[in-house]
Amino acid sequence: INTDHEVLGYYLGDELFDRMVDGYIDRYPSHSTTLRLFAEHLPDFLRENQPFSGPPVLAELAAFERRLLFAFDAPDGPRESAGALQALPPDRWPSLRFRFHPSMQFFPACWNSVEIWQALKADQVPPVAAAQQPRQWLLWRNKERITEFRPLEDNEYGILQAALTGHDLAHLCERLAEWHAPEQVGQEALELMQTWLNQGVLQQIVTD
C-alpha cells in the first residue's frame, strides 16, 4: 500500500496512514500473490469506514492513484504513427473506426482530488479539499512508458465513448455537432484525432 499510494500517504500523514493500513489489512486480508492487487479495495474501504469516510476526497484520491497504476501496468500494444491520417484518402474518412491503447483509462472526479495529487507530487501545498462539478480525466501510458493524464471536455469525452463502442467517424462528427457549429465540426474532429495520435492514445485506425 505504501508504494502504490505514496501521495495518499503524504496527504494523510504518518499516523492516519498507518491507521488506514492496519484497518484495511483487517478488513481485506490478502488472498493473492500479486501485491499490486492487494489494495484494489482501498477506495471502498476509505468510502465506508470512519474517520476516512468523512471527506469523500480521500476515496477519490485513492481511486485516482489506482487508475494510474492500471494505466502503467496495462498490456503494451502498437500505436498509430502521428502521420497516419495523411496517408488515408479523404473518401475513406467517414467510415474510419478507432481502437485505443490498452492503457487508456477514464477517471471521473467530483472533488479536486487530481489537483491535490498534482500539488503533493510537486512538493507543493495542496489546495483545500472541495467538491466540484463532475469532471472526466483521461489517463494513459505514453510511448516512453510514462503515465500521463489530462482533463477532458464534454465533447471529447462524448465522442471517445462513442468511438469505444465502435461508431465510425461520420457518427462522431454528428455527436460533435451537439457542441459545435456545423462549419467547425470537421476541424474539431481533425484536431482531436491528431491529439490522440500525438499522445499515443490511438492503437489503430480501422479503415475497412
N, C-alpha and C. Protein backbone atom coordinates (compact mmCIF):
# COMPACT_ATOMS: atom_id res chain seq x y z
N ILE A 1 0.84 -1.20 0.00
CA ILE A 1 0.00 0.00 0.00
C ILE A 1 0.87 1.25 0.00
N ASN A 2 1.95 1.22 0.79
CA ASN A 2 2.82 2.39 0.87
C ASN A 2 3.38 2.77 -0.50
N THR A 3 3.77 1.77 -1.29
CA THR A 3 4.36 2.04 -2.59
C THR A 3 3.31 2.49 -3.60
N ASP A 4 2.14 1.83 -3.61
CA ASP A 4 1.10 2.15 -4.59
C ASP A 4 0.40 3.46 -4.28
N HIS A 5 0.38 3.87 -3.02
CA HIS A 5 -0.39 5.06 -2.64
C HIS A 5 0.48 6.04 -1.85
N GLU A 6 1.61 6.37 -2.46
CA GLU A 6 2.57 7.26 -1.82
C GLU A 6 1.99 8.65 -1.58
N VAL A 7 1.29 9.19 -2.57
CA VAL A 7 0.75 10.55 -2.44
C VAL A 7 -0.38 10.59 -1.42
N LEU A 8 -1.23 9.56 -1.41
CA LEU A 8 -2.26 9.47 -0.38
C LEU A 8 -1.62 9.46 1.00
N GLY A 9 -0.48 8.78 1.13
CA GLY A 9 0.22 8.76 2.41
C GLY A 9 0.69 10.13 2.83
N TYR A 10 1.21 10.93 1.89
CA TYR A 10 1.61 12.29 2.20
C TYR A 10 0.40 13.11 2.70
N TYR A 11 -0.72 12.91 2.03
CA TYR A 11 -1.91 13.69 2.35
C TYR A 11 -2.47 13.36 3.73
N LEU A 12 -2.45 12.07 4.08
CA LEU A 12 -2.99 11.65 5.38
C LEU A 12 -2.04 11.93 6.53
N GLY A 13 -0.75 11.86 6.28
CA GLY A 13 0.22 11.92 7.36
C GLY A 13 0.46 10.52 7.92
N ASP A 14 1.59 10.35 8.59
CA ASP A 14 2.00 9.01 9.03
C ASP A 14 1.00 8.33 9.94
N GLU A 15 0.47 9.05 10.92
CA GLU A 15 -0.41 8.43 11.90
C GLU A 15 -1.69 7.90 11.27
N LEU A 16 -2.37 8.74 10.49
CA LEU A 16 -3.61 8.32 9.85
C LEU A 16 -3.35 7.25 8.79
N PHE A 17 -2.23 7.37 8.09
CA PHE A 17 -1.93 6.37 7.06
C PHE A 17 -1.70 5.00 7.69
N ASP A 18 -0.95 4.95 8.79
CA ASP A 18 -0.73 3.68 9.48
C ASP A 18 -2.06 3.11 9.99
N ARG A 19 -2.92 3.97 10.48
CA ARG A 19 -4.23 3.51 10.94
C ARG A 19 -5.05 2.96 9.78
N MET A 20 -4.98 3.62 8.64
CA MET A 20 -5.69 3.14 7.45
C MET A 20 -5.16 1.77 7.02
N VAL A 21 -3.85 1.61 6.98
CA VAL A 21 -3.25 0.34 6.56
C VAL A 21 -3.67 -0.79 7.49
N ASP A 22 -3.60 -0.55 8.80
CA ASP A 22 -4.00 -1.60 9.75
C ASP A 22 -5.46 -1.98 9.58
N GLY A 23 -6.32 -0.98 9.43
CA GLY A 23 -7.74 -1.25 9.25
C GLY A 23 -8.03 -1.98 7.95
N TYR A 24 -7.31 -1.60 6.91
CA TYR A 24 -7.53 -2.23 5.60
C TYR A 24 -7.09 -3.69 5.63
N ILE A 25 -5.95 -3.97 6.24
CA ILE A 25 -5.47 -5.35 6.31
C ILE A 25 -6.45 -6.22 7.09
N ASP A 26 -7.02 -5.69 8.17
CA ASP A 26 -8.03 -6.44 8.93
C ASP A 26 -9.27 -6.70 8.09
N ARG A 27 -9.68 -5.71 7.31
CA ARG A 27 -10.92 -5.82 6.53
C ARG A 27 -10.72 -6.63 5.26
N TYR A 28 -9.57 -6.50 4.63
CA TYR A 28 -9.30 -7.17 3.35
C TYR A 28 -7.97 -7.92 3.43
N PRO A 29 -7.91 -9.02 4.16
CA PRO A 29 -6.66 -9.80 4.19
C PRO A 29 -6.31 -10.30 2.80
N SER A 30 -5.02 -10.40 2.54
CA SER A 30 -4.56 -10.76 1.21
C SER A 30 -4.89 -12.21 0.87
N HIS A 31 -5.45 -12.42 -0.33
CA HIS A 31 -5.69 -13.77 -0.86
C HIS A 31 -5.02 -13.93 -2.22
N SER A 32 -4.08 -13.05 -2.52
CA SER A 32 -3.42 -13.07 -3.81
C SER A 32 -1.92 -12.96 -3.64
N THR A 33 -1.18 -13.57 -4.56
CA THR A 33 0.27 -13.44 -4.53
C THR A 33 0.73 -12.18 -5.25
N THR A 34 -0.20 -11.44 -5.83
CA THR A 34 0.13 -10.21 -6.55
C THR A 34 -0.07 -9.01 -5.64
N LEU A 35 1.03 -8.40 -5.21
CA LEU A 35 0.93 -7.28 -4.29
C LEU A 35 0.23 -6.09 -4.92
N ARG A 36 0.34 -5.94 -6.25
CA ARG A 36 -0.27 -4.80 -6.92
C ARG A 36 -1.79 -4.80 -6.72
N LEU A 37 -2.39 -6.00 -6.63
CA LEU A 37 -3.84 -6.10 -6.48
C LEU A 37 -4.29 -6.04 -5.03
N PHE A 38 -3.35 -6.08 -4.10
CA PHE A 38 -3.72 -6.15 -2.69
C PHE A 38 -4.59 -4.98 -2.26
N ALA A 39 -4.28 -3.78 -2.75
CA ALA A 39 -5.01 -2.58 -2.31
C ALA A 39 -6.16 -2.21 -3.24
N GLU A 40 -6.64 -3.15 -4.06
CA GLU A 40 -7.67 -2.81 -5.04
C GLU A 40 -8.98 -2.33 -4.39
N HIS A 41 -9.23 -2.73 -3.15
CA HIS A 41 -10.46 -2.31 -2.46
C HIS A 41 -10.26 -1.07 -1.59
N LEU A 42 -9.09 -0.45 -1.67
CA LEU A 42 -8.82 0.69 -0.79
C LEU A 42 -9.81 1.83 -0.96
N PRO A 43 -10.18 2.23 -2.19
CA PRO A 43 -11.20 3.30 -2.30
C PRO A 43 -12.50 2.95 -1.58
N ASP A 44 -12.94 1.68 -1.68
CA ASP A 44 -14.16 1.27 -0.97
C ASP A 44 -13.97 1.36 0.54
N PHE A 45 -12.80 0.92 1.01
CA PHE A 45 -12.53 0.99 2.45
C PHE A 45 -12.59 2.43 2.95
N LEU A 46 -11.99 3.34 2.22
CA LEU A 46 -11.99 4.74 2.64
C LEU A 46 -13.40 5.34 2.57
N ARG A 47 -14.18 4.88 1.62
CA ARG A 47 -15.54 5.39 1.45
C ARG A 47 -16.47 4.92 2.57
N GLU A 48 -16.16 3.76 3.15
CA GLU A 48 -17.10 3.11 4.06
C GLU A 48 -16.71 3.16 5.53
N ASN A 49 -15.49 3.59 5.85
CA ASN A 49 -15.01 3.49 7.22
C ASN A 49 -14.53 4.83 7.77
N GLN A 50 -14.99 5.12 8.98
CA GLN A 50 -14.54 6.32 9.69
C GLN A 50 -13.12 6.10 10.20
N PRO A 51 -12.33 7.17 10.33
CA PRO A 51 -12.66 8.58 10.06
C PRO A 51 -12.44 8.97 8.59
N PHE A 52 -12.16 8.00 7.74
CA PHE A 52 -11.78 8.30 6.36
C PHE A 52 -12.97 8.61 5.47
N SER A 53 -14.15 8.13 5.86
CA SER A 53 -15.32 8.33 5.01
C SER A 53 -15.89 9.73 5.11
N GLY A 54 -15.44 10.51 6.10
CA GLY A 54 -15.96 11.87 6.24
C GLY A 54 -15.69 12.72 5.01
N PRO A 55 -14.43 12.92 4.64
CA PRO A 55 -14.13 13.68 3.42
C PRO A 55 -14.07 12.74 2.21
N PRO A 56 -15.04 12.76 1.29
CA PRO A 56 -15.03 11.85 0.14
C PRO A 56 -13.80 11.97 -0.74
N VAL A 57 -13.06 13.05 -0.59
CA VAL A 57 -11.87 13.25 -1.43
C VAL A 57 -10.83 12.16 -1.19
N LEU A 58 -10.81 11.55 0.00
CA LEU A 58 -9.81 10.51 0.27
C LEU A 58 -10.02 9.29 -0.61
N ALA A 59 -11.27 8.83 -0.70
CA ALA A 59 -11.58 7.69 -1.55
C ALA A 59 -11.30 8.02 -3.01
N GLU A 60 -11.61 9.23 -3.40
CA GLU A 60 -11.38 9.63 -4.79
C GLU A 60 -9.88 9.72 -5.09
N LEU A 61 -9.11 10.22 -4.15
CA LEU A 61 -7.66 10.29 -4.34
C LEU A 61 -7.06 8.89 -4.47
N ALA A 62 -7.53 7.96 -3.65
CA ALA A 62 -7.05 6.57 -3.75
C ALA A 62 -7.46 5.96 -5.09
N ALA A 63 -8.67 6.24 -5.53
CA ALA A 63 -9.14 5.70 -6.81
C ALA A 63 -8.31 6.26 -7.97
N PHE A 64 -7.93 7.52 -7.89
CA PHE A 64 -7.10 8.11 -8.94
C PHE A 64 -5.73 7.42 -8.99
N GLU A 65 -5.13 7.20 -7.83
CA GLU A 65 -3.84 6.52 -7.82
C GLU A 65 -3.95 5.10 -8.38
N ARG A 66 -5.07 4.45 -8.12
CA ARG A 66 -5.23 3.09 -8.66
C ARG A 66 -5.37 3.13 -10.17
N ARG A 67 -6.07 4.13 -10.72
CA ARG A 67 -6.17 4.25 -12.18
C ARG A 67 -4.79 4.50 -12.80
N LEU A 68 -3.98 5.28 -12.14
CA LEU A 68 -2.62 5.50 -12.64
C LEU A 68 -1.84 4.18 -12.69
N LEU A 69 -2.02 3.36 -11.66
CA LEU A 69 -1.35 2.06 -11.63
C LEU A 69 -1.84 1.16 -12.75
N PHE A 70 -3.17 1.15 -12.96
CA PHE A 70 -3.73 0.32 -14.03
C PHE A 70 -3.18 0.75 -15.39
N ALA A 71 -3.09 2.06 -15.60
CA ALA A 71 -2.55 2.56 -16.87
C ALA A 71 -1.10 2.15 -17.04
N PHE A 72 -0.33 2.23 -15.97
CA PHE A 72 1.08 1.87 -16.05
C PHE A 72 1.27 0.38 -16.31
N ASP A 73 0.43 -0.45 -15.69
CA ASP A 73 0.57 -1.91 -15.78
C ASP A 73 -0.13 -2.51 -16.99
N ALA A 74 -0.88 -1.72 -17.73
CA ALA A 74 -1.67 -2.27 -18.85
C ALA A 74 -0.77 -2.93 -19.89
N PRO A 75 -1.31 -3.90 -20.62
CA PRO A 75 -0.52 -4.52 -21.69
C PRO A 75 -0.05 -3.48 -22.71
N ASP A 76 1.05 -3.78 -23.34
CA ASP A 76 1.53 -2.88 -24.38
C ASP A 76 0.85 -3.24 -25.69
N GLY A 77 1.03 -2.41 -26.67
CA GLY A 77 0.43 -2.65 -27.97
C GLY A 77 0.95 -1.64 -28.97
N PRO A 78 0.72 -1.88 -30.25
CA PRO A 78 1.18 -0.92 -31.27
C PRO A 78 0.43 0.40 -31.15
N ARG A 79 1.00 1.42 -31.71
CA ARG A 79 0.36 2.74 -31.76
C ARG A 79 0.45 3.25 -33.19
N GLU A 80 -0.62 3.92 -33.60
CA GLU A 80 -0.59 4.52 -34.93
C GLU A 80 0.45 5.64 -34.96
N SER A 81 1.07 5.82 -36.11
CA SER A 81 2.03 6.91 -36.27
C SER A 81 1.30 8.24 -36.34
N ALA A 82 2.00 9.30 -36.00
CA ALA A 82 1.40 10.64 -35.99
C ALA A 82 0.90 11.05 -37.37
N GLY A 83 1.49 10.50 -38.42
CA GLY A 83 1.08 10.87 -39.77
C GLY A 83 0.09 9.93 -40.41
N ALA A 84 -0.56 9.08 -39.60
CA ALA A 84 -1.44 8.05 -40.16
C ALA A 84 -2.60 8.64 -40.96
N LEU A 85 -3.15 9.76 -40.52
CA LEU A 85 -4.31 10.33 -41.21
C LEU A 85 -3.95 10.82 -42.61
N GLN A 86 -2.74 11.39 -42.75
CA GLN A 86 -2.36 11.94 -44.04
C GLN A 86 -2.25 10.85 -45.12
N ALA A 87 -2.06 9.61 -44.70
CA ALA A 87 -1.91 8.52 -45.66
C ALA A 87 -3.25 7.97 -46.14
N LEU A 88 -4.36 8.45 -45.58
CA LEU A 88 -5.68 7.92 -45.92
C LEU A 88 -6.39 8.83 -46.91
N PRO A 89 -6.95 8.29 -47.98
CA PRO A 89 -7.71 9.12 -48.93
C PRO A 89 -8.95 9.68 -48.26
N PRO A 90 -9.32 10.93 -48.57
CA PRO A 90 -10.46 11.59 -47.91
C PRO A 90 -11.77 10.82 -48.00
N ASP A 91 -11.99 10.06 -49.09
CA ASP A 91 -13.27 9.37 -49.21
C ASP A 91 -13.40 8.20 -48.24
N ARG A 92 -12.31 7.81 -47.59
CA ARG A 92 -12.36 6.74 -46.60
C ARG A 92 -12.66 7.27 -45.19
N TRP A 93 -12.50 8.55 -44.98
CA TRP A 93 -12.60 9.10 -43.63
C TRP A 93 -13.94 8.86 -42.95
N PRO A 94 -15.07 9.04 -43.60
CA PRO A 94 -16.35 8.87 -42.87
C PRO A 94 -16.51 7.49 -42.22
N SER A 95 -15.91 6.45 -42.79
CA SER A 95 -16.08 5.10 -42.26
C SER A 95 -14.97 4.68 -41.30
N LEU A 96 -14.05 5.58 -40.98
CA LEU A 96 -12.96 5.24 -40.07
C LEU A 96 -13.48 4.88 -38.68
N ARG A 97 -12.88 3.85 -38.10
CA ARG A 97 -13.15 3.48 -36.72
C ARG A 97 -11.83 3.43 -35.96
N PHE A 98 -11.91 3.50 -34.63
CA PHE A 98 -10.70 3.69 -33.84
C PHE A 98 -10.59 2.67 -32.72
N ARG A 99 -9.39 2.14 -32.57
CA ARG A 99 -9.07 1.28 -31.44
C ARG A 99 -8.00 1.98 -30.61
N PHE A 100 -8.20 1.93 -29.31
CA PHE A 100 -7.35 2.72 -28.42
C PHE A 100 -6.38 1.83 -27.64
N HIS A 101 -5.29 2.45 -27.21
CA HIS A 101 -4.25 1.72 -26.49
C HIS A 101 -4.82 1.14 -25.20
N PRO A 102 -4.39 -0.08 -24.82
CA PRO A 102 -4.94 -0.72 -23.62
C PRO A 102 -4.74 0.06 -22.34
N SER A 103 -3.78 0.96 -22.31
CA SER A 103 -3.52 1.72 -21.08
C SER A 103 -4.52 2.85 -20.86
N MET A 104 -5.34 3.17 -21.85
CA MET A 104 -6.24 4.32 -21.73
C MET A 104 -7.29 4.07 -20.65
N GLN A 105 -7.46 5.03 -19.76
CA GLN A 105 -8.42 4.93 -18.65
C GLN A 105 -9.19 6.25 -18.55
N PHE A 106 -10.43 6.16 -18.08
CA PHE A 106 -11.18 7.35 -17.69
C PHE A 106 -11.22 7.43 -16.18
N PHE A 107 -11.22 8.65 -15.66
CA PHE A 107 -11.36 8.85 -14.22
C PHE A 107 -12.34 9.98 -13.96
N PRO A 108 -13.50 9.68 -13.34
CA PRO A 108 -14.46 10.73 -13.02
C PRO A 108 -14.14 11.35 -11.66
N ALA A 109 -14.05 12.65 -11.60
CA ALA A 109 -13.73 13.35 -10.35
C ALA A 109 -14.86 14.29 -9.97
N CYS A 110 -15.34 14.15 -8.75
CA CYS A 110 -16.35 15.07 -8.20
C CYS A 110 -15.73 16.00 -7.15
N TRP A 111 -14.47 15.73 -6.82
CA TRP A 111 -13.69 16.58 -5.92
C TRP A 111 -12.41 16.99 -6.62
N ASN A 112 -11.67 17.88 -6.00
CA ASN A 112 -10.41 18.34 -6.61
C ASN A 112 -9.25 17.41 -6.26
N SER A 113 -9.50 16.11 -6.31
CA SER A 113 -8.50 15.11 -5.93
C SER A 113 -7.29 15.13 -6.85
N VAL A 114 -7.50 15.33 -8.14
CA VAL A 114 -6.37 15.33 -9.08
C VAL A 114 -5.48 16.54 -8.82
N GLU A 115 -6.08 17.69 -8.57
CA GLU A 115 -5.29 18.89 -8.28
C GLU A 115 -4.50 18.71 -6.97
N ILE A 116 -5.12 18.05 -5.99
CA ILE A 116 -4.41 17.75 -4.73
C ILE A 116 -3.23 16.83 -5.01
N TRP A 117 -3.46 15.79 -5.81
CA TRP A 117 -2.39 14.85 -6.16
C TRP A 117 -1.25 15.57 -6.87
N GLN A 118 -1.58 16.44 -7.81
CA GLN A 118 -0.54 17.16 -8.57
C GLN A 118 0.31 18.03 -7.64
N ALA A 119 -0.35 18.73 -6.71
CA ALA A 119 0.38 19.60 -5.80
C ALA A 119 1.32 18.79 -4.90
N LEU A 120 0.82 17.72 -4.32
CA LEU A 120 1.65 16.91 -3.44
C LEU A 120 2.80 16.27 -4.20
N LYS A 121 2.54 15.81 -5.41
CA LYS A 121 3.60 15.19 -6.22
C LYS A 121 4.70 16.19 -6.54
N ALA A 122 4.34 17.46 -6.63
CA ALA A 122 5.32 18.51 -6.92
C ALA A 122 5.87 19.15 -5.65
N ASP A 123 5.61 18.51 -4.47
CA ASP A 123 6.08 19.03 -3.18
C ASP A 123 5.55 20.42 -2.90
N GLN A 124 4.31 20.68 -3.30
CA GLN A 124 3.65 21.94 -3.03
C GLN A 124 2.51 21.76 -2.03
N VAL A 125 2.09 22.85 -1.44
CA VAL A 125 0.96 22.78 -0.51
C VAL A 125 -0.30 22.51 -1.31
N PRO A 126 -1.05 21.45 -0.97
CA PRO A 126 -2.24 21.12 -1.77
C PRO A 126 -3.38 22.09 -1.51
N PRO A 127 -4.27 22.26 -2.47
CA PRO A 127 -5.46 23.09 -2.22
C PRO A 127 -6.37 22.43 -1.19
N VAL A 128 -7.21 23.23 -0.59
CA VAL A 128 -8.20 22.70 0.35
C VAL A 128 -9.17 21.80 -0.41
N ALA A 129 -9.47 20.65 0.17
CA ALA A 129 -10.40 19.72 -0.48
C ALA A 129 -11.74 20.41 -0.72
N ALA A 130 -12.26 20.27 -1.93
CA ALA A 130 -13.52 20.93 -2.28
C ALA A 130 -14.26 20.13 -3.34
N ALA A 131 -15.57 20.07 -3.19
CA ALA A 131 -16.40 19.45 -4.23
C ALA A 131 -16.39 20.34 -5.46
N GLN A 132 -16.59 19.74 -6.63
CA GLN A 132 -16.60 20.49 -7.88
C GLN A 132 -17.58 19.84 -8.84
N GLN A 133 -17.83 20.53 -9.93
CA GLN A 133 -18.66 19.94 -10.97
C GLN A 133 -17.99 18.65 -11.47
N PRO A 134 -18.76 17.57 -11.64
CA PRO A 134 -18.16 16.32 -12.12
C PRO A 134 -17.33 16.55 -13.37
N ARG A 135 -16.17 15.93 -13.40
CA ARG A 135 -15.22 16.14 -14.49
C ARG A 135 -14.53 14.83 -14.82
N GLN A 136 -14.36 14.56 -16.11
CA GLN A 136 -13.67 13.37 -16.56
C GLN A 136 -12.22 13.67 -16.89
N TRP A 137 -11.34 12.75 -16.50
CA TRP A 137 -9.93 12.83 -16.84
C TRP A 137 -9.57 11.63 -17.71
N LEU A 138 -8.62 11.84 -18.62
CA LEU A 138 -8.10 10.77 -19.45
C LEU A 138 -6.70 10.41 -18.97
N LEU A 139 -6.47 9.11 -18.74
CA LEU A 139 -5.16 8.63 -18.32
C LEU A 139 -4.64 7.63 -19.34
N TRP A 140 -3.34 7.61 -19.56
CA TRP A 140 -2.74 6.64 -20.47
C TRP A 140 -1.24 6.57 -20.22
N ARG A 141 -0.61 5.53 -20.76
CA ARG A 141 0.84 5.39 -20.71
C ARG A 141 1.40 5.75 -22.07
N ASN A 142 2.33 6.70 -22.09
CA ASN A 142 2.81 7.19 -23.38
C ASN A 142 3.89 6.28 -23.98
N LYS A 143 4.44 6.70 -25.10
CA LYS A 143 5.42 5.87 -25.81
C LYS A 143 6.71 5.67 -25.02
N GLU A 144 6.98 6.57 -24.09
CA GLU A 144 8.17 6.45 -23.24
C GLU A 144 7.85 5.70 -21.94
N ARG A 145 6.68 5.07 -21.88
CA ARG A 145 6.21 4.30 -20.72
C ARG A 145 6.04 5.18 -19.48
N ILE A 146 5.67 6.43 -19.70
CA ILE A 146 5.35 7.35 -18.61
C ILE A 146 3.84 7.56 -18.60
N THR A 147 3.23 7.45 -17.43
CA THR A 147 1.80 7.64 -17.31
C THR A 147 1.47 9.13 -17.34
N GLU A 148 0.51 9.48 -18.18
CA GLU A 148 0.08 10.87 -18.31
C GLU A 148 -1.43 10.97 -18.06
N PHE A 149 -1.89 12.18 -17.83
CA PHE A 149 -3.33 12.41 -17.67
C PHE A 149 -3.64 13.86 -18.01
N ARG A 150 -4.88 14.08 -18.42
CA ARG A 150 -5.33 15.43 -18.73
C ARG A 150 -6.85 15.47 -18.60
N PRO A 151 -7.42 16.65 -18.32
CA PRO A 151 -8.88 16.75 -18.23
C PRO A 151 -9.52 16.66 -19.61
N LEU A 152 -10.74 16.17 -19.63
CA LEU A 152 -11.49 16.05 -20.88
C LEU A 152 -12.66 17.03 -20.88
N GLU A 153 -12.83 17.72 -21.99
CA GLU A 153 -14.05 18.49 -22.19
C GLU A 153 -15.18 17.53 -22.50
N ASP A 154 -16.42 17.97 -22.30
CA ASP A 154 -17.58 17.10 -22.51
C ASP A 154 -17.63 16.55 -23.93
N ASN A 155 -17.26 17.40 -24.92
CA ASN A 155 -17.36 16.93 -26.30
C ASN A 155 -16.39 15.79 -26.57
N GLU A 156 -15.15 15.91 -26.10
CA GLU A 156 -14.17 14.84 -26.34
C GLU A 156 -14.56 13.57 -25.60
N TYR A 157 -15.01 13.71 -24.36
CA TYR A 157 -15.43 12.52 -23.61
C TYR A 157 -16.58 11.82 -24.33
N GLY A 158 -17.53 12.60 -24.84
CA GLY A 158 -18.67 12.02 -25.53
C GLY A 158 -18.28 11.24 -26.77
N ILE A 159 -17.37 11.79 -27.57
CA ILE A 159 -17.02 11.07 -28.80
C ILE A 159 -16.04 9.93 -28.52
N LEU A 160 -15.25 10.04 -27.47
CA LEU A 160 -14.42 8.90 -27.07
C LEU A 160 -15.29 7.72 -26.67
N GLN A 161 -16.35 8.01 -25.91
CA GLN A 161 -17.26 6.94 -25.51
C GLN A 161 -17.90 6.31 -26.74
N ALA A 162 -18.29 7.14 -27.70
CA ALA A 162 -18.90 6.62 -28.92
C ALA A 162 -17.89 5.82 -29.74
N ALA A 163 -16.65 6.30 -29.82
CA ALA A 163 -15.62 5.59 -30.57
C ALA A 163 -15.31 4.24 -29.94
N LEU A 164 -15.32 4.18 -28.62
CA LEU A 164 -15.03 2.92 -27.93
C LEU A 164 -16.12 1.88 -28.15
N THR A 165 -17.31 2.31 -28.49
CA THR A 165 -18.39 1.36 -28.76
C THR A 165 -18.49 1.02 -30.24
N GLY A 166 -17.51 1.49 -31.05
CA GLY A 166 -17.42 1.06 -32.43
C GLY A 166 -18.01 1.99 -33.47
N HIS A 167 -18.47 3.17 -33.08
CA HIS A 167 -19.05 4.09 -34.05
C HIS A 167 -17.98 4.67 -34.96
N ASP A 168 -18.35 4.95 -36.21
CA ASP A 168 -17.39 5.47 -37.18
C ASP A 168 -17.26 6.98 -37.07
N LEU A 169 -16.35 7.54 -37.85
CA LEU A 169 -16.07 8.98 -37.78
C LEU A 169 -17.28 9.81 -38.18
N ALA A 170 -18.08 9.33 -39.13
CA ALA A 170 -19.28 10.08 -39.52
C ALA A 170 -20.20 10.27 -38.32
N HIS A 171 -20.36 9.21 -37.53
CA HIS A 171 -21.21 9.32 -36.33
C HIS A 171 -20.56 10.24 -35.29
N LEU A 172 -19.24 10.14 -35.14
CA LEU A 172 -18.57 11.00 -34.17
C LEU A 172 -18.76 12.47 -34.54
N CYS A 173 -18.73 12.78 -35.83
CA CYS A 173 -18.95 14.16 -36.25
C CYS A 173 -20.38 14.61 -35.95
N GLU A 174 -21.34 13.69 -36.10
CA GLU A 174 -22.71 14.02 -35.72
C GLU A 174 -22.80 14.36 -34.24
N ARG A 175 -22.05 13.60 -33.44
CA ARG A 175 -22.03 13.90 -32.00
C ARG A 175 -21.38 15.25 -31.72
N LEU A 176 -20.31 15.55 -32.44
CA LEU A 176 -19.62 16.83 -32.23
C LEU A 176 -20.53 18.01 -32.57
N ALA A 177 -21.47 17.79 -33.48
CA ALA A 177 -22.39 18.86 -33.87
C ALA A 177 -23.29 19.27 -32.71
N GLU A 178 -23.35 18.46 -31.65
CA GLU A 178 -24.11 18.84 -30.46
C GLU A 178 -23.41 19.96 -29.69
N TRP A 179 -22.11 20.14 -29.93
CA TRP A 179 -21.33 21.15 -29.21
C TRP A 179 -20.78 22.26 -30.10
N HIS A 180 -20.70 22.00 -31.40
CA HIS A 180 -20.05 22.94 -32.31
C HIS A 180 -20.94 23.26 -33.51
N ALA A 181 -20.72 24.44 -34.05
CA ALA A 181 -21.43 24.82 -35.28
C ALA A 181 -21.00 23.87 -36.40
N PRO A 182 -21.90 23.61 -37.37
CA PRO A 182 -21.59 22.65 -38.45
C PRO A 182 -20.28 22.93 -39.16
N GLU A 183 -19.97 24.20 -39.38
CA GLU A 183 -18.74 24.52 -40.11
C GLU A 183 -17.48 24.29 -39.28
N GLN A 184 -17.63 24.06 -37.97
CA GLN A 184 -16.48 23.83 -37.09
C GLN A 184 -16.23 22.35 -36.83
N VAL A 185 -17.19 21.50 -37.16
CA VAL A 185 -17.12 20.09 -36.77
C VAL A 185 -15.92 19.38 -37.39
N GLY A 186 -15.70 19.57 -38.68
CA GLY A 186 -14.60 18.89 -39.35
C GLY A 186 -13.25 19.23 -38.74
N GLN A 187 -13.01 20.51 -38.49
CA GLN A 187 -11.74 20.93 -37.91
C GLN A 187 -11.58 20.41 -36.49
N GLU A 188 -12.68 20.43 -35.74
CA GLU A 188 -12.63 19.93 -34.36
C GLU A 188 -12.31 18.44 -34.35
N ALA A 189 -12.94 17.66 -35.23
CA ALA A 189 -12.66 16.23 -35.30
C ALA A 189 -11.21 15.97 -35.67
N LEU A 190 -10.70 16.73 -36.64
CA LEU A 190 -9.31 16.56 -37.07
C LEU A 190 -8.35 16.86 -35.92
N GLU A 191 -8.59 17.92 -35.17
CA GLU A 191 -7.71 18.29 -34.07
C GLU A 191 -7.72 17.24 -32.97
N LEU A 192 -8.90 16.68 -32.69
CA LEU A 192 -8.97 15.65 -31.66
C LEU A 192 -8.23 14.39 -32.10
N MET A 193 -8.43 13.97 -33.33
CA MET A 193 -7.73 12.77 -33.82
C MET A 193 -6.23 12.97 -33.80
N GLN A 194 -5.78 14.16 -34.20
CA GLN A 194 -4.34 14.43 -34.21
C GLN A 194 -3.78 14.43 -32.79
N THR A 195 -4.57 14.94 -31.84
CA THR A 195 -4.15 14.90 -30.44
C THR A 195 -3.99 13.47 -29.97
N TRP A 196 -4.95 12.60 -30.28
CA TRP A 196 -4.84 11.19 -29.88
C TRP A 196 -3.61 10.54 -30.49
N LEU A 197 -3.34 10.85 -31.75
CA LEU A 197 -2.16 10.27 -32.41
C LEU A 197 -0.87 10.78 -31.76
N ASN A 198 -0.79 12.08 -31.54
CA ASN A 198 0.44 12.66 -30.98
C ASN A 198 0.71 12.16 -29.56
N GLN A 199 -0.34 11.92 -28.80
CA GLN A 199 -0.16 11.48 -27.42
C GLN A 199 -0.05 9.97 -27.29
N GLY A 200 -0.19 9.25 -28.38
CA GLY A 200 -0.04 7.80 -28.34
C GLY A 200 -1.24 7.07 -27.77
N VAL A 201 -2.41 7.68 -27.82
CA VAL A 201 -3.62 7.05 -27.30
C VAL A 201 -4.23 6.07 -28.30
N LEU A 202 -4.06 6.34 -29.59
CA LEU A 202 -4.65 5.50 -30.63
C LEU A 202 -3.77 4.30 -30.94
N GLN A 203 -4.36 3.15 -30.87
CA GLN A 203 -3.65 1.92 -31.22
C GLN A 203 -3.78 1.62 -32.72
N GLN A 204 -4.98 1.85 -33.27
CA GLN A 204 -5.19 1.53 -34.68
C GLN A 204 -6.35 2.33 -35.24
N ILE A 205 -6.18 2.83 -36.45
CA ILE A 205 -7.28 3.38 -37.23
C ILE A 205 -7.75 2.31 -38.18
N VAL A 206 -8.98 1.90 -38.03
CA VAL A 206 -9.53 0.80 -38.83
C VAL A 206 -10.17 1.38 -40.08
N THR A 207 -9.75 0.92 -41.24
CA THR A 207 -10.21 1.51 -42.49
C THR A 207 -11.15 0.61 -43.28
N ASP A 208 -11.52 -0.57 -42.76
CA ASP A 208 -12.40 -1.44 -43.52
C ASP A 208 -13.65 -1.79 -42.71
